[in-house]
Amino acid sequence: MNWNGMSTRTLGLILTLAAVLGLSRAVIAQTFPTVLATKAEVLVPDLSGVWLPQAAGASFSKWPPPPMTPWAVARFAANKPTMGPGAVLDANDPTINCIPPGVPYILMVPTPFEILQTPNRTLELFEYNHWVRQIYTDGREHPKDLEDTEISQWMGHSIGKWEGDTLVIDTIGFNDKTWLDRAGHPHSDALHLVERLRRTSHDTLEDNLTIEDPKAYANPWTGTLTFNLKPAWGIMEHICVSPANEDKRYLEYELRAWEIPK
């Protein structure tokens, strides 16, 4: 019998009947191997595709941040953003010097990224300088001492779990060299980022973020990012070129990267 086109209702009836008959999971697996495989696939939502930020805002939140600590106030005053009030072209935005943007900043760069799902990992492949973020969904925990690992501290260490249709992503292990957003809001190495990522429609992806950083902010900071599906798009090659190479063409190239494609 071909089970590939089986409906969820039929799957439920088979599994219920097996339970009534007292069949073990091993027996069920031998009798209906593709049933269990199909059932497992149904339980994991599909977030894959090429996504583009819906708006090129300076921040992930429309609300002002919580009160900053003196350390964060000094950092914020020294930052020169590329967008928002006080924006300047010769900013010290990390992306100008090709420093990894970090998270959640990289989710606000107005170039596309692709989500790739495997049973044990979800990957975010960013067009911007081809940064890759790995979100482990195999049940592992964060390493007990991230400083003793070879994990990149720029993007942090991310683990995820499914809660219904939502992928809950927990990320720690950052350094303090990146920004939270394009407005220049700083963070410390104590940054703890929690994201709730879900598809609100076929063409829309929503990421609800909660930022906790006691070294920089008095309270947690929340916000939402929204992305549009680009089914006909692929991830193009983009290489960040630092001003240090004295190639004047880099500026024009970088400015094109910050434009939202139509």
Protein backbone atom coordinates (compact mmCIF):
# COMPACT_ATOMS: atom_id res chain seq x y z
CA MET A 1 0.00 0.00 0.00
CA ASN A 2 1.21 3.52 -0.80
CA TRP A 3 1.13 5.65 2.38
CA ASN A 4 2.72 8.79 0.91
CA GLY A 5 -0.59 10.46 0.21
CA MET A 6 -2.22 9.44 3.47
CA SER A 7 -4.32 12.05 5.24
CA THR A 8 -3.69 13.10 8.83
CA ARG A 9 -7.08 11.65 9.82
CA THR A 10 -6.18 8.24 8.35
CA LEU A 11 -2.83 8.30 10.13
CA GLY A 12 -4.58 9.00 13.40
CA LEU A 13 -7.00 6.09 12.92
CA ILE A 14 -4.15 3.67 12.22
CA LEU A 15 -2.15 4.75 15.26
CA THR A 16 -5.26 4.61 17.48
CA LEU A 17 -6.12 1.10 16.25
CA ALA A 18 -2.55 -0.04 16.90
CA ALA A 19 -2.78 1.28 20.45
CA VAL A 20 -6.10 -0.55 21.05
CA LEU A 21 -4.55 -3.80 19.84
CA GLY A 22 -1.64 -3.28 22.19
CA LEU A 23 0.98 -3.10 19.48
CA SER A 24 4.32 -1.69 20.54
CA ARG A 25 6.00 1.16 18.69
CA ALA A 26 8.55 -1.32 17.33
CA VAL A 27 5.79 -3.50 15.85
CA ILE A 28 4.06 -0.44 14.38
CA ALA A 29 7.34 0.69 12.84
CA GLN A 30 7.81 -2.72 11.21
CA THR A 31 4.26 -2.85 9.91
CA PHE A 32 3.84 0.77 8.86
CA PRO A 33 7.37 2.24 8.46
CA THR A 34 6.33 5.10 6.19
CA VAL A 35 3.40 6.01 8.44
CA LEU A 36 5.67 7.08 11.29
CA ALA A 37 8.01 8.88 8.93
CA THR A 38 5.11 10.80 7.41
CA LYS A 39 3.68 11.59 10.84
CA ALA A 40 7.04 13.02 11.97
CA GLU A 41 7.25 15.25 8.92
CA VAL A 42 3.79 16.67 9.61
CA LEU A 43 4.81 17.74 13.11
CA VAL A 44 7.68 19.99 11.95
CA PRO A 45 6.60 23.23 10.23
CA ASP A 46 8.43 24.28 7.09
CA LEU A 47 10.21 27.64 7.41
CA SER A 48 12.49 27.10 4.42
CA GLY A 49 12.80 29.63 1.62
CA VAL A 50 14.50 32.89 0.71
CA TRP A 51 13.35 35.77 2.91
CA LEU A 52 13.79 39.54 2.76
CA PRO A 53 13.21 42.04 5.59
CA GLN A 54 9.86 43.73 5.11
CA ALA A 55 11.17 47.15 6.14
CA ALA A 56 14.62 48.70 6.42
CA GLY A 57 14.10 50.15 9.88
CA ALA A 58 16.93 51.22 12.14
CA SER A 59 15.76 48.94 14.94
CA PHE A 60 13.88 45.69 15.57
CA SER A 61 11.54 47.56 17.93
CA LYS A 62 9.31 50.59 17.36
CA TRP A 63 9.65 51.39 21.06
CA PRO A 64 12.66 53.09 22.72
CA PRO A 65 15.02 50.72 24.55
CA PRO A 66 14.86 50.27 28.32
CA PRO A 67 17.06 52.54 30.44
CA MET A 68 20.73 51.93 29.69
CA THR A 69 23.50 51.38 32.20
CA PRO A 70 26.31 53.97 32.28
CA TRP A 71 28.49 51.53 30.30
CA ALA A 72 25.86 51.28 27.52
CA VAL A 73 25.20 55.04 27.52
CA ALA A 74 28.88 55.71 26.82
CA ARG A 75 28.98 53.10 24.07
CA PHE A 76 25.81 54.40 22.43
CA ALA A 77 27.07 57.99 22.47
CA ALA A 78 30.26 56.94 20.67
CA ASN A 79 28.47 54.98 17.94
CA LYS A 80 27.71 56.64 14.60
CA PRO A 81 24.82 54.82 12.93
CA THR A 82 24.12 54.44 9.22
CA MET A 83 20.37 54.95 9.66
CA GLY A 84 18.06 56.95 11.87
CA PRO A 85 18.67 60.25 13.70
CA GLY A 86 22.29 61.33 13.43
CA ALA A 87 23.12 58.89 10.64
CA VAL A 88 26.37 59.60 8.79
CA LEU A 89 28.05 58.01 5.80
CA ASP A 90 31.45 57.58 7.47
CA ALA A 91 29.88 55.73 10.40
CA ASN A 92 31.59 53.27 12.70
CA ASP A 93 28.84 50.76 12.02
CA PRO A 94 30.47 47.29 12.24
CA THR A 95 29.37 46.42 8.71
CA ILE A 96 31.29 49.35 7.22
CA ASN A 97 34.54 47.66 8.25
CA CYS A 98 33.27 44.17 7.34
CA ILE A 99 32.98 43.06 10.96
CA PRO A 100 30.35 40.33 11.41
CA PRO A 101 27.07 42.13 12.21
CA GLY A 102 26.04 39.75 14.98
CA VAL A 103 22.46 38.90 15.91
CA PRO A 104 19.89 40.42 15.73
CA TYR A 105 21.63 43.11 13.63
CA ILE A 106 22.22 40.79 10.65
CA LEU A 107 18.46 40.16 10.44
CA MET A 108 18.01 43.88 9.68
CA VAL A 109 20.51 44.08 6.83
CA PRO A 110 18.24 44.67 3.79
CA THR A 111 19.60 41.77 1.75
CA PRO A 112 17.98 38.32 1.59
CA PHE A 113 18.78 35.22 3.60
CA GLU A 114 17.75 31.61 3.11
CA ILE A 115 16.48 29.17 5.73
CA LEU A 116 17.56 25.56 5.25
CA GLN A 117 16.12 22.87 7.53
CA THR A 118 17.60 19.48 8.43
CA PRO A 119 16.47 17.07 11.17
CA ASN A 120 19.16 18.31 13.57
CA ARG A 121 19.94 21.85 12.46
CA THR A 122 18.29 24.90 10.95
CA LEU A 123 20.66 27.06 8.94
CA GLU A 124 20.31 30.73 8.07
CA LEU A 125 22.43 31.48 5.01
CA PHE A 126 22.82 35.25 4.62
CA GLU A 127 23.60 36.85 1.29
CA TYR A 128 25.41 39.66 3.09
CA ASN A 129 29.05 38.53 3.08
CA HIS A 130 27.79 34.94 3.12
CA TRP A 131 27.56 34.72 6.89
CA VAL A 132 26.07 31.45 8.13
CA ARG A 133 24.15 30.94 11.36
CA GLN A 134 23.64 27.44 12.76
CA ILE A 135 20.69 26.72 15.04
CA TYR A 136 20.98 23.27 16.62
CA THR A 137 17.67 21.45 17.04
CA ASP A 138 19.02 18.07 18.17
CA GLY A 139 18.31 18.63 21.86
CA ARG A 140 21.80 19.74 22.87
CA GLU A 141 22.39 22.46 25.44
CA HIS A 142 24.74 25.42 25.27
CA PRO A 143 28.36 24.55 26.09
CA LYS A 144 29.06 25.18 29.76
CA ASP A 145 32.05 27.37 28.99
CA LEU A 146 31.78 29.03 25.60
CA GLU A 147 35.14 30.74 26.00
CA ASP A 148 36.86 27.36 25.93
CA THR A 149 35.26 26.36 22.63
CA GLU A 150 36.04 27.28 19.05
CA ILE A 151 32.52 28.70 18.58
CA SER A 152 32.46 32.09 16.91
CA GLN A 153 31.52 34.73 19.46
CA TRP A 154 30.25 37.14 16.79
CA MET A 155 27.02 35.25 16.00
CA GLY A 156 26.73 33.52 19.36
CA HIS A 157 25.72 29.91 19.99
CA SER A 158 22.13 29.06 19.05
CA ILE A 159 19.93 26.14 20.03
CA GLY A 160 16.29 25.72 19.04
CA LYS A 161 13.17 23.72 19.87
CA TRP A 162 9.70 23.55 18.39
CA GLU A 163 6.66 24.78 20.29
CA GLY A 164 3.75 24.07 17.97
CA ASP A 165 4.29 26.08 14.78
CA THR A 166 7.05 28.19 16.37
CA LEU A 167 10.80 27.62 16.40
CA VAL A 168 12.09 29.00 19.71
CA ILE A 169 15.75 30.01 19.34
CA ASP A 170 17.95 30.63 22.36
CA THR A 171 21.30 32.35 21.71
CA ILE A 172 24.14 33.26 24.09
CA GLY A 173 27.93 33.43 23.90
CA PHE A 174 28.38 36.79 22.19
CA ASN A 175 31.30 39.17 22.38
CA ASP A 176 30.54 42.89 22.84
CA LYS A 177 31.92 44.09 19.50
CA THR A 178 28.70 44.18 17.49
CA TRP A 179 25.52 46.27 17.64
CA LEU A 180 21.93 45.25 18.25
CA ASP A 181 20.61 47.28 15.34
CA ARG A 182 21.45 49.89 12.71
CA ALA A 183 20.83 52.72 15.18
CA GLY A 184 23.95 51.72 17.11
CA HIS A 185 22.44 50.30 20.29
CA PRO A 186 25.22 48.37 22.04
CA HIS A 187 25.22 45.09 23.91
CA SER A 188 27.63 43.33 26.24
CA ASP A 189 28.97 39.78 26.36
CA ALA A 190 26.06 38.96 28.69
CA LEU A 191 23.54 39.32 25.84
CA HIS A 192 20.84 36.63 25.87
CA LEU A 193 18.61 36.59 22.80
CA VAL A 194 15.39 34.57 22.53
CA GLU A 195 13.52 34.45 19.22
CA ARG A 196 10.14 32.98 18.39
CA LEU A 197 10.17 32.34 14.66
CA ARG A 198 7.01 31.32 12.83
CA ARG A 199 5.29 31.54 9.48
CA THR A 200 2.18 33.68 9.88
CA SER A 201 1.20 32.98 6.26
CA HIS A 202 2.81 31.23 3.32
CA ASP A 203 4.58 34.42 2.26
CA THR A 204 5.28 35.97 5.67
CA LEU A 205 7.77 35.07 8.39
CA GLU A 206 7.64 36.70 11.82
CA ASP A 207 10.45 36.82 14.37
CA ASN A 208 9.50 37.98 17.88
CA LEU A 209 12.65 38.89 19.81
CA THR A 210 13.41 39.31 23.49
CA ILE A 211 16.76 40.79 24.50
CA GLU A 212 18.14 40.44 28.01
CA ASP A 213 21.44 42.11 28.83
CA PRO A 214 21.82 43.20 32.47
CA LYS A 215 25.19 44.83 31.76
CA ALA A 216 23.61 47.17 29.21
CA TYR A 217 19.85 47.51 29.91
CA ALA A 218 17.73 47.71 33.04
CA ASN A 219 14.95 45.52 31.64
CA PRO A 220 14.36 43.07 28.77
CA TRP A 221 13.75 44.66 25.38
CA THR A 222 11.23 43.18 22.93
CA GLY A 223 10.41 43.73 19.29
CA THR A 224 9.36 42.05 16.05
CA LEU A 225 10.92 41.62 12.63
CA THR A 226 8.87 40.58 9.60
CA PHE A 227 10.14 39.02 6.38
CA ASN A 228 8.59 38.45 2.96
CA LEU A 229 9.09 35.25 0.97
CA LYS A 230 10.94 35.66 -2.34
CA PRO A 231 10.23 32.34 -4.12
CA ALA A 232 11.98 33.29 -7.36
CA TRP A 233 15.13 34.52 -5.66
CA GLY A 234 18.41 32.78 -4.92
CA ILE A 235 21.26 33.80 -2.65
CA MET A 236 23.71 35.87 -4.69
CA GLU A 237 27.41 36.40 -4.04
CA HIS A 238 28.18 39.37 -1.85
CA ILE A 239 31.65 40.10 -0.51
CA CYS A 240 32.19 42.92 1.97
CA VAL A 241 35.18 45.06 0.94
CA SER A 242 36.86 47.09 3.67
CA PRO A 243 37.87 50.74 3.10
CA ALA A 244 41.35 49.67 4.17
CA ASN A 245 42.06 48.37 0.68
CA GLU A 246 41.73 51.95 -0.66
CA ASP A 247 39.51 50.75 -3.47
CA LYS A 248 37.05 53.60 -4.01
CA ARG A 249 34.66 51.27 -5.76
CA TYR A 250 33.84 49.55 -2.45
CA LEU A 251 31.61 52.43 -1.33
CA GLU A 252 29.31 52.20 -4.35
CA TYR A 253 29.19 48.43 -3.95
CA GLU A 254 28.33 48.62 -0.26
CA LEU A 255 25.60 51.21 -0.84
CA ARG A 256 23.96 48.92 -3.38
CA ALA A 257 23.94 46.18 -0.75
CA TRP A 258 21.89 48.41 1.55
CA GLU A 259 19.16 48.99 -1.02
CA ILE A 260 16.06 46.87 -0.78
CA PRO A 261 15.50 45.06 -4.11
CA LYS A 262 12.16 45.68 -5.75
